[in-house]
Amino acid sequence: MKKRGYLWLCLLWSYSIFAQNIPSPTIYIADNQYLLSSAWAGIGDSYQVRALGQWQWLDVQDAPRTFYLSANGRLSDRSGFGIILSDDENGFTSLRSVTLSYAYHLILDADSYRFLSFGLSYRFSNFNVDTSDFFNLQPDPAVGGDRSLDESNFDIGVLYRANGFFANLNIQDIVERDAADFGAEEPLGISKFNLLAGYEFDWVAGPTGYLVVAPSVNYHYFFGDGRAETDLNLKVTQELRDMSYWGGITARFQSDESDFEALSVTPMLGFKYLNYYFAYGYQSFFTDANDFRTNTHLISIGIDFGGSQSNCICTQVRGIK
């Protein structure tokens, strides 16, 4: 049992380290804050649907790839909902999940536009190993054939907004794994801590638009293995009457080392015309371990529809573009 549990742990960790692992702040830059935290669900006057995909080495068979399909919107003047479907595949392994979210938004001070939001998500995941893709079709005695592992877990999020300032705390996988599935020496807690903070500066740019400059920083901490990473982000948006276009960049650093080593950089471009949205990003890695992943493309498309203006300013878009 211990050997098999250790194998499962290594395979699952391979997803957090070597699979797609789309940077959370890049998701923020790509106008998909709900993927970052359930606390963003329901902010805005319309329902948002976003599809996001990331591929590595498009010309290599069975290269790692990740897909997300998400939707979120307002349930009432102070509450929101969301759903996420994800599919992450890497060779003979796959990780699929369904996430359901609820968020509640409060007014701290209406005059200064200070709001506090709370979010909770439930996620059901399936991790699968397809041994038919093993090299030379030779079975691995440690696996013993096709394997499948189902798991349920929860995420919690808190979001504070004050005009253009925002700070988002999110903790993923708050429930420890079942000790019966893993050995005594293997960590059961695999929670991930995220703290994103930033500010959106805006200036009037002509009679029908304005310019928004949004720097932000995101700190990640992985309780399972003690890793820590920091992301520095910058997004510049030109807002017009019927459309907006923007450019952004995310730089990721390993912050649990004294040298603050650079890990990756991801520039992105995008636009929104009426209710339709498109974004493209290209991620490059700097570390030797990721040389085979230096050609990574990210595409996001979406549509906003329905809904109406909320009677509560806590779910209206202010300081979040």
C-alpha atoms as a PDB file:
ATOM      1  CA  MET A   1       0.000   0.000   0.000  1.00  0.00           C
ATOM      2  CA  LYS A   2       2.814   2.426   0.827  1.00  0.00           C
ATOM      3  CA  LYS A   3       4.593   1.888  -2.492  1.00  0.00           C
ATOM      4  CA  ARG A   4       1.374   2.305  -4.432  1.00  0.00           C
ATOM      5  CA  GLY A   5       0.415   5.376  -2.406  1.00  0.00           C
ATOM      6  CA  TYR A   6       3.854   6.865  -3.027  1.00  0.00           C
ATOM      7  CA  LEU A   7       3.434   6.274  -6.763  1.00  0.00           C
ATOM      8  CA  TRP A   8       0.099   8.060  -6.745  1.00  0.00           C
ATOM      9  CA  LEU A   9       1.585  10.975  -4.819  1.00  0.00           C
ATOM     10  CA  CYS A  10       4.437  11.352  -7.305  1.00  0.00           C
ATOM     11  CA  LEU A  11       2.054  11.248 -10.267  1.00  0.00           C
ATOM     12  CA  LEU A  12      -0.269  13.810  -8.717  1.00  0.00           C
ATOM     13  CA  TRP A  13       2.634  16.105  -7.862  1.00  0.00           C
ATOM     14  CA  SER A  14       3.821  15.838 -11.463  1.00  0.00           C
ATOM     15  CA  TYR A  15       0.687  17.759 -12.426  1.00  0.00           C
ATOM     16  CA  SER A  16       1.406  20.642 -10.080  1.00  0.00           C
ATOM     17  CA  ILE A  17       5.053  20.857 -11.182  1.00  0.00           C
ATOM     18  CA  PHE A  18       5.336  19.624 -14.771  1.00  0.00           C
ATOM     19  CA  ALA A  19       1.821  19.764 -16.213  1.00  0.00           C
ATOM     20  CA  GLN A  20       0.133  22.901 -17.513  1.00  0.00           C
ATOM     21  CA  ASN A  21      -0.246  24.702 -14.170  1.00  0.00           C
ATOM     22  CA  ILE A  22      -1.503  27.895 -15.847  1.00  0.00           C
ATOM     23  CA  PRO A  23      -0.220  30.847 -13.788  1.00  0.00           C
ATOM     24  CA  SER A  24      -3.062  32.291 -11.718  1.00  0.00           C
ATOM     25  CA  PRO A  25      -2.151  35.943 -12.404  1.00  0.00           C
ATOM     26  CA  THR A  26      -2.085  35.199 -16.117  1.00  0.00           C
ATOM     27  CA  ILE A  27      -5.684  34.085 -15.700  1.00  0.00           C
ATOM     28  CA  TYR A  28      -6.354  37.421 -13.983  1.00  0.00           C
ATOM     29  CA  ILE A  29      -4.742  39.283 -16.876  1.00  0.00           C
ATOM     30  CA  ALA A  30      -6.858  37.233 -19.310  1.00  0.00           C
ATOM     31  CA  ASP A  31     -10.078  38.645 -17.797  1.00  0.00           C
ATOM     32  CA  ASN A  32     -10.989  35.414 -16.019  1.00  0.00           C
ATOM     33  CA  GLN A  33     -10.695  36.303 -12.341  1.00  0.00           C
ATOM     34  CA  TYR A  34     -13.227  33.677 -11.317  1.00  0.00           C
ATOM     35  CA  LEU A  35     -10.727  30.912 -12.222  1.00  0.00           C
ATOM     36  CA  LEU A  36      -8.433  32.470  -9.646  1.00  0.00           C
ATOM     37  CA  SER A  37     -10.924  32.480  -6.770  1.00  0.00           C
ATOM     38  CA  SER A  38     -14.608  31.816  -6.111  1.00  0.00           C
ATOM     39  CA  ALA A  39     -14.842  35.208  -4.363  1.00  0.00           C
ATOM     40  CA  TRP A  40     -14.979  36.926  -7.799  1.00  0.00           C
ATOM     41  CA  ALA A  41     -18.141  35.077  -8.870  1.00  0.00           C
ATOM     42  CA  GLY A  42     -21.094  37.341  -9.603  1.00  0.00           C
ATOM     43  CA  ILE A  43     -19.212  40.654  -9.878  1.00  0.00           C
ATOM     44  CA  GLY A  44     -20.549  42.407 -12.972  1.00  0.00           C
ATOM     45  CA  ASP A  45     -23.862  43.011 -14.707  1.00  0.00           C
ATOM     46  CA  SER A  46     -23.795  40.033 -17.095  1.00  0.00           C
ATOM     47  CA  TYR A  47     -23.117  36.317 -17.151  1.00  0.00           C
ATOM     48  CA  GLN A  48     -19.561  35.491 -18.243  1.00  0.00           C
ATOM     49  CA  VAL A  49     -18.593  32.365 -20.165  1.00  0.00           C
ATOM     50  CA  ARG A  50     -14.902  31.754 -20.846  1.00  0.00           C
ATOM     51  CA  ALA A  51     -13.040  28.921 -22.585  1.00  0.00           C
ATOM     52  CA  LEU A  52      -9.293  28.744 -22.037  1.00  0.00           C
ATOM     53  CA  GLY A  53      -6.722  26.323 -23.424  1.00  0.00           C
ATOM     54  CA  GLN A  54      -2.962  25.935 -23.112  1.00  0.00           C
ATOM     55  CA  TRP A  55      -0.785  23.670 -25.254  1.00  0.00           C
ATOM     56  CA  GLN A  56       2.917  22.842 -25.040  1.00  0.00           C
ATOM     57  CA  TRP A  57       4.885  21.931 -28.158  1.00  0.00           C
ATOM     58  CA  LEU A  58       1.958  21.714 -30.561  1.00  0.00           C
ATOM     59  CA  ASP A  59       3.960  19.513 -32.974  1.00  0.00           C
ATOM     60  CA  VAL A  60       4.718  16.793 -30.394  1.00  0.00           C
ATOM     61  CA  GLN A  61       2.294  13.897 -29.952  1.00  0.00           C
ATOM     62  CA  ASP A  62       0.648  13.620 -26.503  1.00  0.00           C
ATOM     63  CA  ALA A  63       2.166  16.936 -25.367  1.00  0.00           C
ATOM     64  CA  PRO A  64       0.722  18.357 -22.120  1.00  0.00           C
ATOM     65  CA  ARG A  65      -2.454  20.361 -22.635  1.00  0.00           C
ATOM     66  CA  THR A  66      -5.072  21.942 -20.403  1.00  0.00           C
ATOM     67  CA  PHE A  67      -8.612  23.168 -21.087  1.00  0.00           C
ATOM     68  CA  TYR A  68     -10.979  25.170 -18.896  1.00  0.00           C
ATOM     69  CA  LEU A  69     -14.622  26.048 -19.492  1.00  0.00           C
ATOM     70  CA  SER A  70     -16.093  28.382 -16.892  1.00  0.00           C
ATOM     71  CA  ALA A  71     -19.262  30.374 -16.324  1.00  0.00           C
ATOM     72  CA  ASN A  72     -20.214  32.726 -13.523  1.00  0.00           C
ATOM     73  CA  GLY A  73     -22.878  35.320 -12.839  1.00  0.00           C
ATOM     74  CA  ARG A  74     -25.065  36.953 -10.239  1.00  0.00           C
ATOM     75  CA  LEU A  75     -27.717  35.046  -8.292  1.00  0.00           C
ATOM     76  CA  SER A  76     -29.050  38.098  -6.446  1.00  0.00           C
ATOM     77  CA  ASP A  77     -27.955  41.647  -5.690  1.00  0.00           C
ATOM     78  CA  ARG A  78     -25.343  40.349  -3.211  1.00  0.00           C
ATOM     79  CA  SER A  79     -24.537  36.799  -4.313  1.00  0.00           C
ATOM     80  CA  GLY A  80     -23.008  34.985  -7.275  1.00  0.00           C
ATOM     81  CA  PHE A  81     -22.438  31.472  -8.600  1.00  0.00           C
ATOM     82  CA  GLY A  82     -19.911  29.750 -10.828  1.00  0.00           C
ATOM     83  CA  ILE A  83     -18.988  26.453 -12.467  1.00  0.00           C
ATOM     84  CA  ILE A  84     -15.672  25.253 -13.919  1.00  0.00           C
ATOM     85  CA  LEU A  85     -14.996  22.189 -16.072  1.00  0.00           C
ATOM     86  CA  SER A  86     -11.315  21.315 -16.538  1.00  0.00           C
ATOM     87  CA  ASP A  87      -9.342  18.689 -18.452  1.00  0.00           C
ATOM     88  CA  ASP A  88      -5.567  18.351 -17.988  1.00  0.00           C
ATOM     89  CA  GLU A  89      -3.771  15.655 -20.006  1.00  0.00           C
ATOM     90  CA  ASN A  90      -0.093  14.731 -20.043  1.00  0.00           C
ATOM     91  CA  GLY A  91       0.890  11.583 -21.930  1.00  0.00           C
ATOM     92  CA  PHE A  92      -0.750   8.560 -20.272  1.00  0.00           C
ATOM     93  CA  THR A  93      -2.123  10.568 -17.313  1.00  0.00           C
ATOM     94  CA  SER A  94      -5.177  12.811 -17.112  1.00  0.00           C
ATOM     95  CA  LEU A  95      -6.829  14.967 -14.462  1.00  0.00           C
ATOM     96  CA  ARG A  96     -10.453  16.067 -14.917  1.00  0.00           C
ATOM     97  CA  SER A  97     -12.567  18.054 -12.481  1.00  0.00           C
ATOM     98  CA  VAL A  98     -15.878  19.842 -11.932  1.00  0.00           C
ATOM     99  CA  THR A  99     -15.999  22.866  -9.604  1.00  0.00           C
ATOM    100  CA  LEU A 100     -19.137  24.534  -8.187  1.00  0.00           C
ATOM    101  CA  SER A 101     -18.856  27.911  -6.447  1.00  0.00           C
ATOM    102  CA  TYR A 102     -20.888  30.358  -4.396  1.00  0.00           C
ATOM    103  CA  ALA A 103     -19.910  33.919  -3.446  1.00  0.00           C
ATOM    104  CA  TYR A 104     -21.438  36.555  -1.174  1.00  0.00           C
ATOM    105  CA  HIS A 105     -20.591  40.276  -1.405  1.00  0.00           C
ATOM    106  CA  LEU A 106     -20.802  42.899   1.352  1.00  0.00           C
ATOM    107  CA  ILE A 107     -20.576  46.712   1.474  1.00  0.00           C
ATOM    108  CA  LEU A 108     -18.037  48.018   3.995  1.00  0.00           C
ATOM    109  CA  ASP A 109     -18.324  51.689   3.019  1.00  0.00           C
ATOM    110  CA  ALA A 110     -20.503  52.797   0.110  1.00  0.00           C
ATOM    111  CA  ASP A 111     -19.036  56.309  -0.085  1.00  0.00           C
ATOM    112  CA  SER A 112     -15.461  55.071  -0.550  1.00  0.00           C
ATOM    113  CA  TYR A 113     -16.491  51.995  -2.589  1.00  0.00           C
ATOM    114  CA  ARG A 114     -15.023  49.460  -0.150  1.00  0.00           C
ATOM    115  CA  PHE A 115     -16.372  45.920  -0.510  1.00  0.00           C
ATOM    116  CA  LEU A 116     -15.666  42.505   1.003  1.00  0.00           C
ATOM    117  CA  SER A 117     -16.486  39.226  -0.775  1.00  0.00           C
ATOM    118  CA  PHE A 118     -16.420  35.613   0.428  1.00  0.00           C
ATOM    119  CA  GLY A 119     -16.359  32.534  -1.798  1.00  0.00           C
ATOM    120  CA  LEU A 120     -16.581  28.767  -1.341  1.00  0.00           C
ATOM    121  CA  SER A 121     -16.006  26.068  -3.980  1.00  0.00           C
ATOM    122  CA  TYR A 122     -16.563  22.333  -4.051  1.00  0.00           C
ATOM    123  CA  ARG A 123     -14.476  20.354  -6.550  1.00  0.00           C
ATOM    124  CA  PHE A 124     -14.764  16.748  -7.691  1.00  0.00           C
ATOM    125  CA  SER A 125     -11.656  15.414  -9.476  1.00  0.00           C
ATOM    126  CA  ASN A 126     -10.702  12.215 -11.263  1.00  0.00           C
ATOM    127  CA  PHE A 127      -7.044  11.284 -11.782  1.00  0.00           C
ATOM    128  CA  ASN A 128      -6.501   8.520 -14.318  1.00  0.00           C
ATOM    129  CA  VAL A 129      -3.567   6.484 -15.653  1.00  0.00           C
ATOM    130  CA  ASP A 130      -4.023   4.736 -19.019  1.00  0.00           C
ATOM    131  CA  THR A 131      -1.447   1.916 -19.124  1.00  0.00           C
ATOM    132  CA  SER A 132      -2.200   1.161 -22.774  1.00  0.00           C
ATOM    133  CA  ASP A 133       0.105   4.088 -23.615  1.00  0.00           C
ATOM    134  CA  PHE A 134       3.093   2.719 -21.689  1.00  0.00           C
ATOM    135  CA  PHE A 135       6.300   2.237 -23.654  1.00  0.00           C
ATOM    136  CA  ASN A 136       6.471  -1.122 -25.490  1.00  0.00           C
ATOM    137  CA  LEU A 137       3.072  -1.952 -23.933  1.00  0.00           C
ATOM    138  CA  GLN A 138       4.914  -3.424 -20.941  1.00  0.00           C
ATOM    139  CA  PRO A 139       2.877  -3.333 -17.693  1.00  0.00           C
ATOM    140  CA  ASP A 140       4.291  -1.521 -14.684  1.00  0.00           C
ATOM    141  CA  PRO A 141       4.048  -3.795 -11.607  1.00  0.00           C
ATOM    142  CA  ALA A 142       3.779  -0.738  -9.337  1.00  0.00           C
ATOM    143  CA  VAL A 143       0.615   0.362 -11.152  1.00  0.00           C
ATOM    144  CA  GLY A 144      -0.849  -3.028 -12.074  1.00  0.00           C
ATOM    145  CA  GLY A 145      -3.005  -1.842 -14.972  1.00  0.00           C
ATOM    146  CA  ASP A 146      -5.248   1.124 -15.605  1.00  0.00           C
ATOM    147  CA  ARG A 147      -5.764   3.179 -12.455  1.00  0.00           C
ATOM    148  CA  SER A 148      -8.355   5.752 -11.428  1.00  0.00           C
ATOM    149  CA  LEU A 149      -8.627   7.885  -8.286  1.00  0.00           C
ATOM    150  CA  ASP A 150     -11.632  10.083  -7.371  1.00  0.00           C
ATOM    151  CA  GLU A 151     -11.329  12.929  -4.902  1.00  0.00           C
ATOM    152  CA  SER A 152     -13.484  15.695  -3.414  1.00  0.00           C
ATOM    153  CA  ASN A 153     -12.150  18.908  -1.909  1.00  0.00           C
ATOM    154  CA  PHE A 154     -12.961  22.540  -1.126  1.00  0.00           C
ATOM    155  CA  ASP A 155     -11.494  25.992  -1.779  1.00  0.00           C
ATOM    156  CA  ILE A 156     -12.174  29.198   0.153  1.00  0.00           C
ATOM    157  CA  GLY A 157     -11.570  32.772  -0.974  1.00  0.00           C
ATOM    158  CA  VAL A 158     -11.775  36.329   0.395  1.00  0.00           C
ATOM    159  CA  LEU A 159     -11.678  39.445  -1.807  1.00  0.00           C
ATOM    160  CA  TYR A 160     -11.271  43.053  -0.624  1.00  0.00           C
ATOM    161  CA  ARG A 161     -11.862  45.967  -3.021  1.00  0.00           C
ATOM    162  CA  ALA A 162     -11.453  49.703  -2.439  1.00  0.00           C
ATOM    163  CA  ASN A 163     -11.879  51.771  -5.598  1.00  0.00           C
ATOM    164  CA  GLY A 164      -8.984  50.584  -7.795  1.00  0.00           C
ATOM    165  CA  PHE A 165      -7.242  48.509  -5.104  1.00  0.00           C
ATOM    166  CA  PHE A 166      -7.920  44.778  -4.756  1.00  0.00           C
ATOM    167  CA  ALA A 167      -6.530  42.008  -2.548  1.00  0.00           C
ATOM    168  CA  ASN A 168      -7.569  38.376  -2.941  1.00  0.00           C
ATOM    169  CA  LEU A 169      -6.681  35.554  -0.535  1.00  0.00           C
ATOM    170  CA  ASN A 170      -7.479  32.014  -1.707  1.00  0.00           C
ATOM    171  CA  ILE A 171      -6.724  28.584  -0.234  1.00  0.00           C
ATOM    172  CA  GLN A 172      -7.188  25.509  -2.428  1.00  0.00           C
ATOM    173  CA  ASP A 173      -7.673  21.889  -1.285  1.00  0.00           C
ATOM    174  CA  ILE A 174      -8.317  22.652   2.372  1.00  0.00           C
ATOM    175  CA  VAL A 175      -9.232  19.037   3.227  1.00  0.00           C
ATOM    176  CA  GLU A 176      -6.372  16.570   3.773  1.00  0.00           C
ATOM    177  CA  ARG A 177      -6.161  13.378   1.729  1.00  0.00           C
ATOM    178  CA  ASP A 178      -7.405  10.083   3.125  1.00  0.00           C
ATOM    179  CA  ALA A 179      -4.577   8.448   5.077  1.00  0.00           C
ATOM    180  CA  ALA A 180      -5.743   5.008   3.884  1.00  0.00           C
ATOM    181  CA  ASP A 181      -4.633   5.843   0.335  1.00  0.00           C
ATOM    182  CA  PHE A 182      -1.090   6.921   1.260  1.00  0.00           C
ATOM    183  CA  GLY A 183       1.755   5.849   3.501  1.00  0.00           C
ATOM    184  CA  ALA A 184       2.521   7.299   6.928  1.00  0.00           C
ATOM    185  CA  GLU A 185       5.607   9.157   5.644  1.00  0.00           C
ATOM    186  CA  GLU A 186       3.738  10.879   2.807  1.00  0.00           C
ATOM    187  CA  PRO A 187       2.177  14.337   3.305  1.00  0.00           C
ATOM    188  CA  LEU A 188      -1.600  14.333   3.291  1.00  0.00           C
ATOM    189  CA  GLY A 189      -2.010  18.116   3.158  1.00  0.00           C
ATOM    190  CA  ILE A 190      -1.607  19.490  -0.389  1.00  0.00           C
ATOM    191  CA  SER A 191      -3.195  22.906   0.132  1.00  0.00           C
ATOM    192  CA  LYS A 192      -2.081  25.848  -1.989  1.00  0.00           C
ATOM    193  CA  PHE A 193      -2.100  29.412  -0.644  1.00  0.00           C
ATOM    194  CA  ASN A 194      -2.507  32.376  -3.017  1.00  0.00           C
ATOM    195  CA  LEU A 195      -2.401  36.088  -2.217  1.00  0.00           C
ATOM    196  CA  LEU A 196      -3.018  38.468  -5.133  1.00  0.00           C
ATOM    197  CA  ALA A 197      -2.916  42.253  -4.665  1.00  0.00           C
ATOM    198  CA  GLY A 198      -2.853  45.125  -7.112  1.00  0.00           C
ATOM    199  CA  TYR A 199      -4.151  48.539  -8.107  1.00  0.00           C
ATOM    200  CA  GLU A 200      -5.871  49.840 -11.240  1.00  0.00           C
ATOM    201  CA  PHE A 201      -4.978  53.397 -12.243  1.00  0.00           C
ATOM    202  CA  ASP A 202      -7.264  54.952 -14.854  1.00  0.00           C
ATOM    203  CA  TRP A 203      -7.143  58.158 -16.876  1.00  0.00           C
ATOM    204  CA  VAL A 204      -9.642  59.693 -19.276  1.00  0.00           C
ATOM    205  CA  ALA A 205      -8.380  59.136 -22.844  1.00  0.00           C
ATOM    206  CA  GLY A 206     -10.558  61.099 -25.247  1.00  0.00           C
ATOM    207  CA  PRO A 207     -14.301  61.742 -25.154  1.00  0.00           C
ATOM    208  CA  THR A 208     -15.313  58.058 -25.387  1.00  0.00           C
ATOM    209  CA  GLY A 209     -12.638  56.088 -23.532  1.00  0.00           C
ATOM    210  CA  TYR A 210     -10.022  55.825 -20.830  1.00  0.00           C
ATOM    211  CA  LEU A 211      -6.696  54.137 -20.161  1.00  0.00           C
ATOM    212  CA  VAL A 212      -6.203  51.634 -17.325  1.00  0.00           C
ATOM    213  CA  VAL A 213      -2.778  50.580 -15.977  1.00  0.00           C
ATOM    214  CA  ALA A 214      -2.910  47.684 -13.500  1.00  0.00           C
ATOM    215  CA  PRO A 215       0.230  46.373 -11.739  1.00  0.00           C
ATOM    216  CA  SER A 216      -0.235  43.409  -9.384  1.00  0.00           C
ATOM    217  CA  VAL A 217       1.704  40.751  -7.482  1.00  0.00           C
ATOM    218  CA  ASN A 218       0.694  37.188  -6.622  1.00  0.00           C
ATOM    219  CA  TYR A 219       2.362  34.995  -4.006  1.00  0.00           C
ATOM    220  CA  HIS A 220       1.892  31.185  -4.095  1.00  0.00           C
ATOM    221  CA  TYR A 221       2.803  28.777  -1.306  1.00  0.00           C
ATOM    222  CA  PHE A 222       2.451  24.982  -1.599  1.00  0.00           C
ATOM    223  CA  PHE A 223       2.026  23.332   1.815  1.00  0.00           C
ATOM    224  CA  GLY A 224       2.740  19.843   0.475  1.00  0.00           C
ATOM    225  CA  ASP A 225       6.401  20.426  -0.439  1.00  0.00           C
ATOM    226  CA  GLY A 226       7.137  23.928   0.857  1.00  0.00           C
ATOM    227  CA  ARG A 227       7.580  25.533  -2.566  1.00  0.00           C
ATOM    228  CA  ALA A 228       6.914  29.261  -2.927  1.00  0.00           C
ATOM    229  CA  GLU A 229       6.552  31.313  -6.108  1.00  0.00           C
ATOM    230  CA  THR A 230       5.912  34.996  -6.775  1.00  0.00           C
ATOM    231  CA  ASP A 231       4.376  36.524  -9.906  1.00  0.00           C
ATOM    232  CA  LEU A 232       4.775  40.119 -11.012  1.00  0.00           C
ATOM    233  CA  ASN A 233       2.096  41.328 -13.447  1.00  0.00           C
ATOM    234  CA  LEU A 234       1.358  44.401 -15.500  1.00  0.00           C
ATOM    235  CA  LYS A 235      -1.722  44.984 -17.662  1.00  0.00           C
ATOM    236  CA  VAL A 236      -2.477  48.081 -19.781  1.00  0.00           C
ATOM    237  CA  THR A 237      -6.004  48.465 -21.195  1.00  0.00           C
ATOM    238  CA  GLN A 238      -7.490  50.991 -23.618  1.00  0.00           C
ATOM    239  CA  GLU A 239     -11.232  51.207 -23.011  1.00  0.00           C
ATOM    240  CA  LEU A 240     -13.449  52.577 -25.797  1.00  0.00           C
ATOM    241  CA  ARG A 241     -17.212  52.809 -26.222  1.00  0.00           C
ATOM    242  CA  ASP A 242     -17.871  49.460 -27.931  1.00  0.00           C
ATOM    243  CA  MET A 243     -14.533  47.686 -27.494  1.00  0.00           C
ATOM    244  CA  SER A 244     -11.353  47.481 -25.466  1.00  0.00           C
ATOM    245  CA  TYR A 245      -7.902  46.141 -26.224  1.00  0.00           C
ATOM    246  CA  TRP A 246      -5.022  45.416 -23.908  1.00  0.00           C
ATOM    247  CA  GLY A 247      -1.540  44.002 -23.407  1.00  0.00           C
ATOM    248  CA  GLY A 248      -0.028  42.403 -20.336  1.00  0.00           C
ATOM    249  CA  ILE A 249       2.930  40.461 -19.025  1.00  0.00           C
ATOM    250  CA  THR A 250       3.509  38.035 -16.134  1.00  0.00           C
ATOM    251  CA  ALA A 251       6.942  37.124 -14.763  1.00  0.00           C
ATOM    252  CA  ARG A 252       7.195  34.197 -12.324  1.00  0.00           C
ATOM    253  CA  PHE A 253      10.000  33.796  -9.770  1.00  0.00           C
ATOM    254  CA  GLN A 254      10.917  31.030  -7.342  1.00  0.00           C
ATOM    255  CA  SER A 255      10.697  32.878  -4.027  1.00  0.00           C
ATOM    256  CA  ASP A 256      11.693  30.065  -1.650  1.00  0.00           C
ATOM    257  CA  GLU A 257      15.325  30.456  -2.747  1.00  0.00           C
ATOM    258  CA  SER A 258      17.674  33.258  -1.752  1.00  0.00           C
ATOM    259  CA  ASP A 259      18.539  34.133  -5.370  1.00  0.00           C
ATOM    260  CA  PHE A 260      14.869  34.725  -6.386  1.00  0.00           C
ATOM    261  CA  GLU A 261      15.355  32.686  -9.572  1.00  0.00           C
ATOM    262  CA  ALA A 262      13.272  33.606 -12.632  1.00  0.00           C
ATOM    263  CA  LEU A 263      11.099  30.693 -13.814  1.00  0.00           C
ATOM    264  CA  SER A 264       8.986  31.966 -16.708  1.00  0.00           C
ATOM    265  CA  VAL A 265       7.602  34.991 -18.532  1.00  0.00           C
ATOM    266  CA  THR A 266       4.221  35.222 -20.286  1.00  0.00           C
ATOM    267  CA  PRO A 267       3.250  38.174 -22.506  1.00  0.00           C
ATOM    268  CA  MET A 268      -0.437  38.396 -23.526  1.00  0.00           C
ATOM    269  CA  LEU A 269      -2.603  40.415 -25.897  1.00  0.00           C
ATOM    270  CA  GLY A 270      -6.375  40.592 -26.102  1.00  0.00           C
ATOM    271  CA  PHE A 271      -9.471  42.545 -27.042  1.00  0.00           C
ATOM    272  CA  LYS A 272     -13.188  42.656 -26.343  1.00  0.00           C
ATOM    273  CA  TYR A 273     -15.710  43.829 -28.953  1.00  0.00           C
ATOM    274  CA  LEU A 274     -19.259  44.325 -27.688  1.00  0.00           C
ATOM    275  CA  ASN A 275     -19.825  41.086 -25.704  1.00  0.00           C
ATOM    276  CA  TYR A 276     -17.171  38.932 -27.414  1.00  0.00           C
ATOM    277  CA  TYR A 277     -13.704  38.330 -25.987  1.00  0.00           C
ATOM    278  CA  PHE A 278     -10.386  36.934 -27.291  1.00  0.00           C
ATOM    279  CA  ALA A 279      -6.879  36.706 -25.777  1.00  0.00           C
ATOM    280  CA  TYR A 280      -3.567  35.086 -26.738  1.00  0.00           C
ATOM    281  CA  GLY A 281      -0.455  34.452 -24.634  1.00  0.00           C
ATOM    282  CA  TYR A 282       2.947  32.835 -25.096  1.00  0.00           C
ATOM    283  CA  GLN A 283       4.808  31.351 -22.111  1.00  0.00           C
ATOM    284  CA  SER A 284       8.587  30.874 -22.063  1.00  0.00           C
ATOM    285  CA  PHE A 285      10.497  29.021 -19.322  1.00  0.00           C
ATOM    286  CA  PHE A 286      14.031  29.798 -18.116  1.00  0.00           C
ATOM    287  CA  THR A 287      14.986  26.787 -15.970  1.00  0.00           C
ATOM    288  CA  ASP A 288      16.831  23.769 -17.411  1.00  0.00           C
ATOM    289  CA  ALA A 289      14.138  21.382 -16.170  1.00  0.00           C
ATOM    290  CA  ASN A 290      11.602  23.089 -18.439  1.00  0.00           C
ATOM    291  CA  ASP A 291      13.621  23.274 -21.663  1.00  0.00           C
ATOM    292  CA  PHE A 292      11.134  20.932 -23.359  1.00  0.00           C
ATOM    293  CA  ARG A 293       8.272  23.328 -22.534  1.00  0.00           C
ATOM    294  CA  THR A 294       9.595  26.548 -24.069  1.00  0.00           C
ATOM    295  CA  ASN A 295       6.867  26.640 -26.723  1.00  0.00           C
ATOM    296  CA  THR A 296       3.618  27.112 -24.803  1.00  0.00           C
ATOM    297  CA  HIS A 297       0.574  28.859 -26.245  1.00  0.00           C
ATOM    298  CA  LEU A 298      -2.508  30.081 -24.386  1.00  0.00           C
ATOM    299  CA  ILE A 299      -5.806  31.053 -26.028  1.00  0.00           C
ATOM    300  CA  SER A 300      -8.909  32.379 -24.281  1.00  0.00           C
ATOM    301  CA  ILE A 301     -12.298  33.140 -25.870  1.00  0.00           C
ATOM    302  CA  GLY A 302     -15.529  34.194 -24.233  1.00  0.00           C
ATOM    303  CA  ILE A 303     -18.897  35.887 -24.332  1.00  0.00           C
ATOM    304  CA  ASP A 304     -20.924  38.012 -21.901  1.00  0.00           C
ATOM    305  CA  PHE A 305     -24.714  37.821 -22.075  1.00  0.00           C
ATOM    306  CA  GLY A 306     -27.947  38.491 -20.206  1.00  0.00           C
ATOM    307  CA  GLY A 307     -28.111  39.884 -16.733  1.00  0.00           C
ATOM    308  CA  SER A 308     -28.979  43.406 -15.576  1.00  0.00           C
ATOM    309  CA  GLN A 309     -27.478  46.098 -13.403  1.00  0.00           C
ATOM    310  CA  SER A 310     -27.461  45.153  -9.735  1.00  0.00           C
ATOM    311  CA  ASN A 311     -29.233  47.257  -7.130  1.00  0.00           C
ATOM    312  CA  CYS A 312     -26.196  46.738  -4.864  1.00  0.00           C
ATOM    313  CA  ILE A 313     -22.953  48.534  -5.742  1.00  0.00           C
ATOM    314  CA  CYS A 314     -21.018  45.648  -4.152  1.00  0.00           C
ATOM    315  CA  THR A 315     -21.521  43.527  -7.305  1.00  0.00           C
ATOM    316  CA  GLN A 316     -21.103  46.351  -9.812  1.00  0.00           C
ATOM    317  CA  VAL A 317     -17.790  46.601 -11.628  1.00  0.00           C
ATOM    318  CA  ARG A 318     -15.651  49.335 -10.135  1.00  0.00           C
ATOM    319  CA  GLY A 319     -11.875  49.108 -10.012  1.00  0.00           C
ATOM    320  CA  ILE A 320     -12.085  45.716 -11.837  1.00  0.00           C
ATOM    321  CA  LYS A 321     -11.919  45.912 -15.623  1.00  0.00           C
END
